[in-house]
Amino acid sequence: MDPHTSPTPHEPGAIPPGHTGPPETPGLVDFTVDLTAHEVLRQARVLAALGPDWDPVEALRGEEAARALLYSGLDDEQRRVYDDLVAAGVLPRRGDGSAAA
């Protein structure tokens, strides 16, 4: 656009006839979403699905037993890899630090 001519009304940045201020630009709009109610509903549905007989302590014991079984009976090479993964922090240390613990 030539600096000596005015833009036509359909051009970006055009000022409508009779408007004396700068072109209007959209400002920032405050946008807030409160998910608290949704999170409470989600938690209630999860607990309802688990049922009244769900015992979190027993569930953790079961997970520990399954993990112990998973790492039991490793041969020497598997134990070495397991110990390397524990040393690297990939797997948590169990018992006395050996794979059979």
PDB file of N, CA and C in Angstrom:
ATOM      1  N   MET A   1       0.846  -1.173   0.000  1.00  0.00           N
ATOM      2  CA  MET A   1       0.000   0.000   0.000  1.00  0.00           C
ATOM      3  C   MET A   1       0.890   1.234   0.000  1.00  0.00           C
ATOM      4  N   ASP A   2       0.531   2.152  -0.800  1.00  0.00           N
ATOM      5  CA  ASP A   2       1.240   3.413  -0.912  1.00  0.00           C
ATOM      6  C   ASP A   2       0.984   4.242   0.347  1.00  0.00           C
ATOM      7  N   PRO A   3       2.018   4.780   1.005  1.00  0.00           N
ATOM      8  CA  PRO A   3       1.807   5.532   2.243  1.00  0.00           C
ATOM      9  C   PRO A   3       0.965   6.787   2.067  1.00  0.00           C
ATOM     10  N   HIS A   4       0.733   7.236   0.836  1.00  0.00           N
ATOM     11  CA  HIS A   4      -0.038   8.464   0.610  1.00  0.00           C
ATOM     12  C   HIS A   4      -1.494   8.191   0.305  1.00  0.00           C
ATOM     13  N   THR A   5      -1.904   6.939   0.271  1.00  0.00           N
ATOM     14  CA  THR A   5      -3.308   6.624   0.003  1.00  0.00           C
ATOM     15  C   THR A   5      -3.877   5.875   1.191  1.00  0.00           C
ATOM     16  N   SER A   6      -5.170   6.002   1.403  1.00  0.00           N
ATOM     17  CA  SER A   6      -5.836   5.310   2.508  1.00  0.00           C
ATOM     18  C   SER A   6      -6.232   3.911   2.068  1.00  0.00           C
ATOM     19  N   PRO A   7      -6.214   2.935   3.008  1.00  0.00           N
ATOM     20  CA  PRO A   7      -6.650   1.595   2.649  1.00  0.00           C
ATOM     21  C   PRO A   7      -8.156   1.577   2.415  1.00  0.00           C
ATOM     22  N   THR A   8      -8.592   0.660   1.593  1.00  0.00           N
ATOM     23  CA  THR A   8     -10.037   0.501   1.394  1.00  0.00           C
ATOM     24  C   THR A   8     -10.586  -0.227   2.616  1.00  0.00           C
ATOM     25  N   PRO A   9     -11.898  -0.108   2.914  1.00  0.00           N
ATOM     26  CA  PRO A   9     -12.458  -0.652   4.151  1.00  0.00           C
ATOM     27  C   PRO A   9     -12.271  -2.161   4.327  1.00  0.00           C
ATOM     28  N   HIS A  10     -12.070  -2.914   3.258  1.00  0.00           N
ATOM     29  CA  HIS A  10     -11.931  -4.361   3.408  1.00  0.00           C
ATOM     30  C   HIS A  10     -10.484  -4.794   3.598  1.00  0.00           C
ATOM     31  N   GLU A  11      -9.541  -3.879   3.588  1.00  0.00           N
ATOM     32  CA  GLU A  11      -8.139  -4.227   3.787  1.00  0.00           C
ATOM     33  C   GLU A  11      -7.837  -4.376   5.281  1.00  0.00           C
ATOM     34  N   PRO A  12      -6.928  -5.297   5.634  1.00  0.00           N
ATOM     35  CA  PRO A  12      -6.547  -5.412   7.047  1.00  0.00           C
ATOM     36  C   PRO A  12      -5.971  -4.100   7.549  1.00  0.00           C
ATOM     37  N   GLY A  13      -6.371  -3.710   8.745  1.00  0.00           N
ATOM     38  CA  GLY A  13      -5.871  -2.470   9.322  1.00  0.00           C
ATOM     39  C   GLY A  13      -6.617  -1.234   8.869  1.00  0.00           C
ATOM     40  N   ALA A  14      -7.657  -1.430   8.072  1.00  0.00           N
ATOM     41  CA  ALA A  14      -8.410  -0.278   7.585  1.00  0.00           C
ATOM     42  C   ALA A  14      -9.221   0.319   8.731  1.00  0.00           C
ATOM     43  N   ILE A  15      -9.294   1.629   8.751  1.00  0.00           N
ATOM     44  CA  ILE A  15     -10.058   2.337   9.774  1.00  0.00           C
ATOM     45  C   ILE A  15     -11.420   2.667   9.172  1.00  0.00           C
ATOM     46  N   PRO A  16     -12.506   2.261   9.863  1.00  0.00           N
ATOM     47  CA  PRO A  16     -13.838   2.551   9.322  1.00  0.00           C
ATOM     48  C   PRO A  16     -14.055   4.059   9.182  1.00  0.00           C
ATOM     49  N   PRO A  17     -14.889   4.478   8.222  1.00  0.00           N
ATOM     50  CA  PRO A  17     -15.167   5.905   8.059  1.00  0.00           C
ATOM     51  C   PRO A  17     -15.734   6.490   9.347  1.00  0.00           C
ATOM     52  N   GLY A  18     -15.256   7.643   9.747  1.00  0.00           N
ATOM     53  CA  GLY A  18     -15.730   8.328  10.937  1.00  0.00           C
ATOM     54  C   GLY A  18     -15.002   7.890  12.211  1.00  0.00           C
ATOM     55  N   HIS A  19     -14.180   6.866  12.124  1.00  0.00           N
ATOM     56  CA  HIS A  19     -13.451   6.398  13.312  1.00  0.00           C
ATOM     57  C   HIS A  19     -12.161   7.202  13.409  1.00  0.00           C
ATOM     58  N   THR A  20     -11.911   7.751  14.591  1.00  0.00           N
ATOM     59  CA  THR A  20     -10.746   8.616  14.720  1.00  0.00           C
ATOM     60  C   THR A  20      -9.588   7.968  15.470  1.00  0.00           C
ATOM     61  N   GLY A  21      -9.828   6.827  16.141  1.00  0.00           N
ATOM     62  CA  GLY A  21      -8.770   6.194  16.922  1.00  0.00           C
ATOM     63  C   GLY A  21      -8.040   5.133  16.119  1.00  0.00           C
ATOM     64  N   PRO A  22      -7.120   4.464  16.771  1.00  0.00           N
ATOM     65  CA  PRO A  22      -6.377   3.400  16.090  1.00  0.00           C
ATOM     66  C   PRO A  22      -7.295   2.203  15.815  1.00  0.00           C
ATOM     67  N   PRO A  23      -6.920   1.335  14.872  1.00  0.00           N
ATOM     68  CA  PRO A  23      -7.755   0.169  14.593  1.00  0.00           C
ATOM     69  C   PRO A  23      -7.872  -0.689  15.859  1.00  0.00           C
ATOM     70  N   GLU A  24      -9.039  -1.282  16.058  1.00  0.00           N
ATOM     71  CA  GLU A  24      -9.263  -2.100  17.245  1.00  0.00           C
ATOM     72  C   GLU A  24      -8.585  -3.460  17.087  1.00  0.00           C
ATOM     73  N   THR A  25      -7.935  -3.874  18.148  1.00  0.00           N
ATOM     74  CA  THR A  25      -7.328  -5.197  18.144  1.00  0.00           C
ATOM     75  C   THR A  25      -7.904  -5.968  19.319  1.00  0.00           C
ATOM     76  N   PRO A  26      -8.129  -7.262  19.142  1.00  0.00           N
ATOM     77  CA  PRO A  26      -8.689  -8.027  20.256  1.00  0.00           C
ATOM     78  C   PRO A  26      -7.676  -8.118  21.391  1.00  0.00           C
ATOM     79  N   GLY A  27      -8.138  -7.958  22.606  1.00  0.00           N
ATOM     80  CA  GLY A  27      -7.274  -8.067  23.770  1.00  0.00           C
ATOM     81  C   GLY A  27      -7.311  -9.474  24.326  1.00  0.00           C
ATOM     82  N   LEU A  28      -6.545  -9.687  25.357  1.00  0.00           N
ATOM     83  CA  LEU A  28      -6.547 -10.983  26.014  1.00  0.00           C
ATOM     84  C   LEU A  28      -7.834 -11.144  26.810  1.00  0.00           C
ATOM     85  N   VAL A  29      -8.348 -12.352  26.825  1.00  0.00           N
ATOM     86  CA  VAL A  29      -9.570 -12.647  27.548  1.00  0.00           C
ATOM     87  C   VAL A  29      -9.226 -13.623  28.665  1.00  0.00           C
ATOM     88  N   ASP A  30      -9.685 -13.326  29.890  1.00  0.00           N
ATOM     89  CA  ASP A  30      -9.454 -14.221  31.008  1.00  0.00           C
ATOM     90  C   ASP A  30     -10.285 -15.484  30.801  1.00  0.00           C
ATOM     91  N   PHE A  31      -9.629 -16.631  30.809  1.00  0.00           N
ATOM     92  CA  PHE A  31     -10.305 -17.909  30.574  1.00  0.00           C
ATOM     93  C   PHE A  31      -9.887 -18.871  31.672  1.00  0.00           C
ATOM     94  N   THR A  32     -10.824 -19.222  32.530  1.00  0.00           N
ATOM     95  CA  THR A  32     -10.528 -20.105  33.652  1.00  0.00           C
ATOM     96  C   THR A  32     -11.504 -21.265  33.643  1.00  0.00           C
ATOM     97  N   VAL A  33     -10.981 -22.461  33.844  1.00  0.00           N
ATOM     98  CA  VAL A  33     -11.821 -23.644  33.941  1.00  0.00           C
ATOM     99  C   VAL A  33     -11.538 -24.294  35.279  1.00  0.00           C
ATOM    100  N   ASP A  34     -12.559 -24.476  36.079  1.00  0.00           N
ATOM    101  CA  ASP A  34     -12.415 -25.127  37.377  1.00  0.00           C
ATOM    102  C   ASP A  34     -12.844 -26.583  37.229  1.00  0.00           C
ATOM    103  N   LEU A  35     -11.879 -27.488  37.324  1.00  0.00           N
ATOM    104  CA  LEU A  35     -12.162 -28.908  37.154  1.00  0.00           C
ATOM    105  C   LEU A  35     -12.396 -29.620  38.481  1.00  0.00           C
ATOM    106  N   THR A  36     -12.502 -28.877  39.569  1.00  0.00           N
ATOM    107  CA  THR A  36     -12.653 -29.489  40.887  1.00  0.00           C
ATOM    108  C   THR A  36     -13.874 -30.396  40.942  1.00  0.00           C
ATOM    109  N   ALA A  37     -15.015 -29.915  40.501  1.00  0.00           N
ATOM    110  CA  ALA A  37     -16.236 -30.715  40.549  1.00  0.00           C
ATOM    111  C   ALA A  37     -16.096 -31.968  39.683  1.00  0.00           C
ATOM    112  N   HIS A  38     -15.492 -31.828  38.523  1.00  0.00           N
ATOM    113  CA  HIS A  38     -15.293 -32.985  37.642  1.00  0.00           C
ATOM    114  C   HIS A  38     -14.359 -34.003  38.289  1.00  0.00           C
ATOM    115  N   GLU A  39     -13.305 -33.543  38.947  1.00  0.00           N
ATOM    116  CA  GLU A  39     -12.355 -34.451  39.589  1.00  0.00           C
ATOM    117  C   GLU A  39     -13.010 -35.191  40.752  1.00  0.00           C
ATOM    118  N   VAL A  40     -13.834 -34.507  41.529  1.00  0.00           N
ATOM    119  CA  VAL A  40     -14.545 -35.161  42.629  1.00  0.00           C
ATOM    120  C   VAL A  40     -15.485 -36.226  42.083  1.00  0.00           C
ATOM    121  N   LEU A  41     -16.186 -35.925  41.016  1.00  0.00           N
ATOM    122  CA  LEU A  41     -17.083 -36.906  40.388  1.00  0.00           C
ATOM    123  C   LEU A  41     -16.300 -38.101  39.860  1.00  0.00           C
ATOM    124  N   ARG A  42     -15.164 -37.848  39.231  1.00  0.00           N
ATOM    125  CA  ARG A  42     -14.342 -38.939  38.709  1.00  0.00           C
ATOM    126  C   ARG A  42     -13.873 -39.848  39.832  1.00  0.00           C
ATOM    127  N   GLN A  43     -13.383 -39.262  40.919  1.00  0.00           N
ATOM    128  CA  GLN A  43     -12.925 -40.062  42.053  1.00  0.00           C
ATOM    129  C   GLN A  43     -14.061 -40.880  42.655  1.00  0.00           C
ATOM    130  N   ALA A  44     -15.241 -40.287  42.774  1.00  0.00           N
ATOM    131  CA  ALA A  44     -16.393 -41.003  43.318  1.00  0.00           C
ATOM    132  C   ALA A  44     -16.760 -42.191  42.440  1.00  0.00           C
ATOM    133  N   ARG A  45     -16.701 -42.009  41.132  1.00  0.00           N
ATOM    134  CA  ARG A  45     -17.027 -43.119  40.219  1.00  0.00           C
ATOM    135  C   ARG A  45     -15.981 -44.220  40.267  1.00  0.00           C
ATOM    136  N   VAL A  46     -14.714 -43.863  40.401  1.00  0.00           N
ATOM    137  CA  VAL A  46     -13.651 -44.877  40.513  1.00  0.00           C
ATOM    138  C   VAL A  46     -13.851 -45.696  41.784  1.00  0.00           C
ATOM    139  N   LEU A  47     -14.086 -45.018  42.906  1.00  0.00           N
ATOM    140  CA  LEU A  47     -14.292 -45.733  44.164  1.00  0.00           C
ATOM    141  C   LEU A  47     -15.553 -46.587  44.121  1.00  0.00           C
ATOM    142  N   ALA A  48     -16.601 -46.110  43.473  1.00  0.00           N
ATOM    143  CA  ALA A  48     -17.824 -46.915  43.330  1.00  0.00           C
ATOM    144  C   ALA A  48     -17.558 -48.155  42.489  1.00  0.00           C
ATOM    145  N   ALA A  49     -16.749 -48.015  41.446  1.00  0.00           N
ATOM    146  CA  ALA A  49     -16.422 -49.155  40.589  1.00  0.00           C
ATOM    147  C   ALA A  49     -15.567 -50.177  41.334  1.00  0.00           C
ATOM    148  N   LEU A  50     -14.701 -49.725  42.232  1.00  0.00           N
ATOM    149  CA  LEU A  50     -13.876 -50.637  43.012  1.00  0.00           C
ATOM    150  C   LEU A  50     -14.721 -51.424  44.010  1.00  0.00           C
ATOM    151  N   GLY A  51     -15.779 -50.824  44.480  1.00  0.00           N
ATOM    152  CA  GLY A  51     -16.691 -51.510  45.396  1.00  0.00           C
ATOM    153  C   GLY A  51     -16.293 -51.355  46.849  1.00  0.00           C
ATOM    154  N   PRO A  52     -17.213 -51.702  47.760  1.00  0.00           N
ATOM    155  CA  PRO A  52     -16.978 -51.506  49.190  1.00  0.00           C
ATOM    156  C   PRO A  52     -15.968 -52.490  49.779  1.00  0.00           C
ATOM    157  N   ASP A  53     -15.689 -53.583  49.098  1.00  0.00           N
ATOM    158  CA  ASP A  53     -14.774 -54.594  49.627  1.00  0.00           C
ATOM    159  C   ASP A  53     -13.324 -54.360  49.226  1.00  0.00           C
ATOM    160  N   TRP A  54     -13.047 -53.311  48.448  1.00  0.00           N
ATOM    161  CA  TRP A  54     -11.681 -53.054  47.990  1.00  0.00           C
ATOM    162  C   TRP A  54     -10.820 -52.630  49.163  1.00  0.00           C
ATOM    163  N   ASP A  55      -9.687 -53.288  49.323  1.00  0.00           N
ATOM    164  CA  ASP A  55      -8.756 -53.004  50.411  1.00  0.00           C
ATOM    165  C   ASP A  55      -7.428 -52.545  49.794  1.00  0.00           C
ATOM    166  N   PRO A  56      -7.109 -51.257  49.861  1.00  0.00           N
ATOM    167  CA  PRO A  56      -5.890 -50.769  49.217  1.00  0.00           C
ATOM    168  C   PRO A  56      -4.622 -51.388  49.787  1.00  0.00           C
ATOM    169  N   VAL A  57      -4.592 -51.676  51.092  1.00  0.00           N
ATOM    170  CA  VAL A  57      -3.408 -52.283  51.689  1.00  0.00           C
ATOM    171  C   VAL A  57      -3.209 -53.685  51.128  1.00  0.00           C
ATOM    172  N   GLU A  58      -4.291 -54.443  51.022  1.00  0.00           N
ATOM    173  CA  GLU A  58      -4.198 -55.788  50.460  1.00  0.00           C
ATOM    174  C   GLU A  58      -3.805 -55.732  48.984  1.00  0.00           C
ATOM    175  N   ALA A  59      -4.291 -54.743  48.264  1.00  0.00           N
ATOM    176  CA  ALA A  59      -3.911 -54.595  46.856  1.00  0.00           C
ATOM    177  C   ALA A  59      -2.407 -54.345  46.732  1.00  0.00           C
ATOM    178  N   LEU A  60      -1.856 -53.503  47.603  1.00  0.00           N
ATOM    179  CA  LEU A  60      -0.411 -53.246  47.570  1.00  0.00           C
ATOM    180  C   LEU A  60       0.389 -54.497  47.938  1.00  0.00           C
ATOM    181  N   ARG A  61      -0.102 -55.249  48.918  1.00  0.00           N
ATOM    182  CA  ARG A  61       0.577 -56.505  49.265  1.00  0.00           C
ATOM    183  C   ARG A  61       0.588 -57.452  48.074  1.00  0.00           C
ATOM    184  N   GLY A  62      -0.528 -57.533  47.368  1.00  0.00           N
ATOM    185  CA  GLY A  62      -0.600 -58.380  46.180  1.00  0.00           C
ATOM    186  C   GLY A  62       0.379 -57.934  45.100  1.00  0.00           C
ATOM    187  N   GLU A  63       0.513 -56.629  44.921  1.00  0.00           N
ATOM    188  CA  GLU A  63       1.468 -56.114  43.939  1.00  0.00           C
ATOM    189  C   GLU A  63       2.901 -56.450  44.337  1.00  0.00           C
ATOM    190  N   GLU A  64       3.205 -56.330  45.621  1.00  0.00           N
ATOM    191  CA  GLU A  64       4.550 -56.673  46.104  1.00  0.00           C
ATOM    192  C   GLU A  64       4.837 -58.159  45.892  1.00  0.00           C
ATOM    193  N   ALA A  65       3.848 -59.009  46.178  1.00  0.00           N
ATOM    194  CA  ALA A  65       4.026 -60.454  45.988  1.00  0.00           C
ATOM    195  C   ALA A  65       4.244 -60.772  44.508  1.00  0.00           C
ATOM    196  N   ALA A  66       3.497 -60.121  43.635  1.00  0.00           N
ATOM    197  CA  ALA A  66       3.659 -60.352  42.197  1.00  0.00           C
ATOM    198  C   ALA A  66       5.035 -59.876  41.731  1.00  0.00           C
ATOM    199  N   ARG A  67       5.490 -58.746  42.242  1.00  0.00           N
ATOM    200  CA  ARG A  67       6.812 -58.228  41.868  1.00  0.00           C
ATOM    201  C   ARG A  67       7.918 -59.167  42.354  1.00  0.00           C
ATOM    202  N   ALA A  68       7.768 -59.695  43.576  1.00  0.00           N
ATOM    203  CA  ALA A  68       8.761 -60.632  44.107  1.00  0.00           C
ATOM    204  C   ALA A  68       8.805 -61.897  43.255  1.00  0.00           C
ATOM    205  N   LEU A  69       7.643 -62.361  42.842  1.00  0.00           N
ATOM    206  CA  LEU A  69       7.592 -63.554  41.992  1.00  0.00           C
ATOM    207  C   LEU A  69       8.212 -63.276  40.624  1.00  0.00           C
ATOM    208  N   LEU A  70       7.978 -62.096  40.112  1.00  0.00           N
ATOM    209  CA  LEU A  70       8.521 -61.722  38.806  1.00  0.00           C
ATOM    210  C   LEU A  70      10.044 -61.777  38.791  1.00  0.00           C
ATOM    211  N   TYR A  71      10.668 -61.336  39.881  1.00  0.00           N
ATOM    212  CA  TYR A  71      12.124 -61.273  39.923  1.00  0.00           C
ATOM    213  C   TYR A  71      12.752 -62.470  40.635  1.00  0.00           C
ATOM    214  N   SER A  72      11.989 -63.504  40.928  1.00  0.00           N
ATOM    215  CA  SER A  72      12.552 -64.693  41.575  1.00  0.00           C
ATOM    216  C   SER A  72      13.075 -65.657  40.513  1.00  0.00           C
ATOM    217  N   GLY A  73      14.038 -66.459  40.877  1.00  0.00           N
ATOM    218  CA  GLY A  73      14.551 -67.494  39.979  1.00  0.00           C
ATOM    219  C   GLY A  73      15.347 -66.962  38.801  1.00  0.00           C
ATOM    220  N   LEU A  74      15.959 -65.807  38.924  1.00  0.00           N
ATOM    221  CA  LEU A  74      16.768 -65.262  37.832  1.00  0.00           C
ATOM    222  C   LEU A  74      18.096 -66.009  37.746  1.00  0.00           C
ATOM    223  N   ASP A  75      18.545 -66.216  36.504  1.00  0.00           N
ATOM    224  CA  ASP A  75      19.880 -66.805  36.356  1.00  0.00           C
ATOM    225  C   ASP A  75      20.923 -65.702  36.558  1.00  0.00           C
ATOM    226  N   ASP A  76      22.204 -66.065  36.480  1.00  0.00           N
ATOM    227  CA  ASP A  76      23.273 -65.106  36.784  1.00  0.00           C
ATOM    228  C   ASP A  76      23.228 -63.868  35.879  1.00  0.00           C
ATOM    229  N   GLU A  77      23.018 -64.067  34.582  1.00  0.00           N
ATOM    230  CA  GLU A  77      22.976 -62.935  33.637  1.00  0.00           C
ATOM    231  C   GLU A  77      21.761 -62.051  33.919  1.00  0.00           C
ATOM    232  N   GLN A  78      20.611 -62.656  34.166  1.00  0.00           N
ATOM    233  CA  GLN A  78      19.409 -61.879  34.470  1.00  0.00           C
ATOM    234  C   GLN A  78      19.591 -61.104  35.781  1.00  0.00           C
ATOM    235  N   ARG A  79      20.211 -61.732  36.765  1.00  0.00           N
ATOM    236  CA  ARG A  79      20.460 -61.062  38.037  1.00  0.00           C
ATOM    237  C   ARG A  79      21.390 -59.867  37.838  1.00  0.00           C
ATOM    238  N   ARG A  80      22.421 -60.022  36.985  1.00  0.00           N
ATOM    239  CA  ARG A  80      23.344 -58.929  36.706  1.00  0.00           C
ATOM    240  C   ARG A  80      22.594 -57.756  36.070  1.00  0.00           C
ATOM    241  N   VAL A  81      21.735 -58.056  35.085  1.00  0.00           N
ATOM    242  CA  VAL A  81      20.956 -56.999  34.428  1.00  0.00           C
ATOM    243  C   VAL A  81      20.025 -56.330  35.443  1.00  0.00           C
ATOM    244  N   TYR A  82      19.369 -57.145  36.265  1.00  0.00           N
ATOM    245  CA  TYR A  82      18.487 -56.608  37.292  1.00  0.00           C
ATOM    246  C   TYR A  82      19.259 -55.669  38.227  1.00  0.00           C
ATOM    247  N   ASP A  83      20.413 -56.131  38.711  1.00  0.00           N
ATOM    248  CA  ASP A  83      21.217 -55.305  39.614  1.00  0.00           C
ATOM    249  C   ASP A  83      21.683 -54.019  38.942  1.00  0.00           C
ATOM    250  N   ASP A  84      22.002 -54.082  37.637  1.00  0.00           N
ATOM    251  CA  ASP A  84      22.385 -52.872  36.890  1.00  0.00           C
ATOM    252  C   ASP A  84      21.210 -51.895  36.811  1.00  0.00           C
ATOM    253  N   LEU A  85      20.008 -52.415  36.598  1.00  0.00           N
ATOM    254  CA  LEU A  85      18.821 -51.557  36.517  1.00  0.00           C
ATOM    255  C   LEU A  85      18.512 -50.926  37.877  1.00  0.00           C
ATOM    256  N   VAL A  86      18.713 -51.688  38.950  1.00  0.00           N
ATOM    257  CA  VAL A  86      18.520 -51.132  40.295  1.00  0.00           C
ATOM    258  C   VAL A  86      19.551 -50.039  40.548  1.00  0.00           C
ATOM    259  N   ALA A  87      20.820 -50.307  40.199  1.00  0.00           N
ATOM    260  CA  ALA A  87      21.885 -49.320  40.415  1.00  0.00           C
ATOM    261  C   ALA A  87      21.643 -48.052  39.605  1.00  0.00           C
ATOM    262  N   ALA A  88      21.036 -48.189  38.421  1.00  0.00           N
ATOM    263  CA  ALA A  88      20.751 -47.024  37.573  1.00  0.00           C
ATOM    264  C   ALA A  88      19.496 -46.280  38.016  1.00  0.00           C
ATOM    265  N   GLY A  89      18.770 -46.859  38.985  1.00  0.00           N
ATOM    266  CA  GLY A  89      17.555 -46.196  39.466  1.00  0.00           C
ATOM    267  C   GLY A  89      16.324 -46.491  38.636  1.00  0.00           C
ATOM    268  N   VAL A  90      16.432 -47.427  37.693  1.00  0.00           N
ATOM    269  CA  VAL A  90      15.285 -47.776  36.856  1.00  0.00           C
ATOM    270  C   VAL A  90      14.289 -48.620  37.648  1.00  0.00           C
ATOM    271  N   LEU A  91      14.809 -49.532  38.469  1.00  0.00           N
ATOM    272  CA  LEU A  91      13.972 -50.372  39.325  1.00  0.00           C
ATOM    273  C   LEU A  91      14.293 -50.061  40.780  1.00  0.00           C
ATOM    274  N   PRO A  92      13.286 -50.144  41.646  1.00  0.00           N
ATOM    275  CA  PRO A  92      13.558 -49.898  43.069  1.00  0.00           C
ATOM    276  C   PRO A  92      14.287 -51.082  43.705  1.00  0.00           C
ATOM    277  N   ARG A  93      15.119 -50.784  44.703  1.00  0.00           N
ATOM    278  CA  ARG A  93      15.829 -51.831  45.426  1.00  0.00           C
ATOM    279  C   ARG A  93      14.845 -52.575  46.302  1.00  0.00           C
ATOM    280  N   ARG A  94      14.946 -53.890  46.347  1.00  0.00           N
ATOM    281  CA  ARG A  94      14.067 -54.746  47.144  1.00  0.00           C
ATOM    282  C   ARG A  94      14.897 -55.543  48.123  1.00  0.00           C
ATOM    283  N   GLY A  95      14.403 -55.714  49.321  1.00  0.00           N
ATOM    284  CA  GLY A  95      15.037 -56.589  50.289  1.00  0.00           C
ATOM    285  C   GLY A  95      16.499 -56.281  50.498  1.00  0.00           C
ATOM    286  N   ASP A  96      17.343 -57.299  50.309  1.00  0.00           N
ATOM    287  CA  ASP A  96      18.779 -57.119  50.546  1.00  0.00           C
ATOM    288  C   ASP A  96      19.512 -56.626  49.299  1.00  0.00           C
ATOM    289  N   GLY A  97      18.763 -56.285  48.232  1.00  0.00           N
ATOM    290  CA  GLY A  97      19.379 -55.746  47.021  1.00  0.00           C
ATOM    291  C   GLY A  97      19.662 -56.789  45.978  1.00  0.00           C
ATOM    292  N   SER A  98      19.455 -58.066  46.298  1.00  0.00           N
ATOM    293  CA  SER A  98      19.664 -59.096  45.277  1.00  0.00           C
ATOM    294  C   SER A  98      18.359 -59.368  44.558  1.00  0.00           C
ATOM    295  N   ALA A  99      18.420 -59.912  43.369  1.00  0.00           N
ATOM    296  CA  ALA A  99      17.232 -60.146  42.568  1.00  0.00           C
ATOM    297  C   ALA A  99      16.330 -61.187  43.224  1.00  0.00           C
ATOM    298  N   ALA A 100      16.879 -62.073  44.021  1.00  0.00           N
ATOM    299  CA  ALA A 100      16.058 -63.126  44.630  1.00  0.00           C
ATOM    300  C   ALA A 100      15.324 -62.636  45.872  1.00  0.00           C
ATOM    301  N   ALA A 101      15.652 -61.457  46.365  1.00  0.00           N
ATOM    302  CA  ALA A 101      15.042 -60.969  47.619  1.00  0.00           C
ATOM    303  C   ALA A 101      13.597 -60.618  47.415  1.00  0.00           C
TER     304      ALA A 101
END
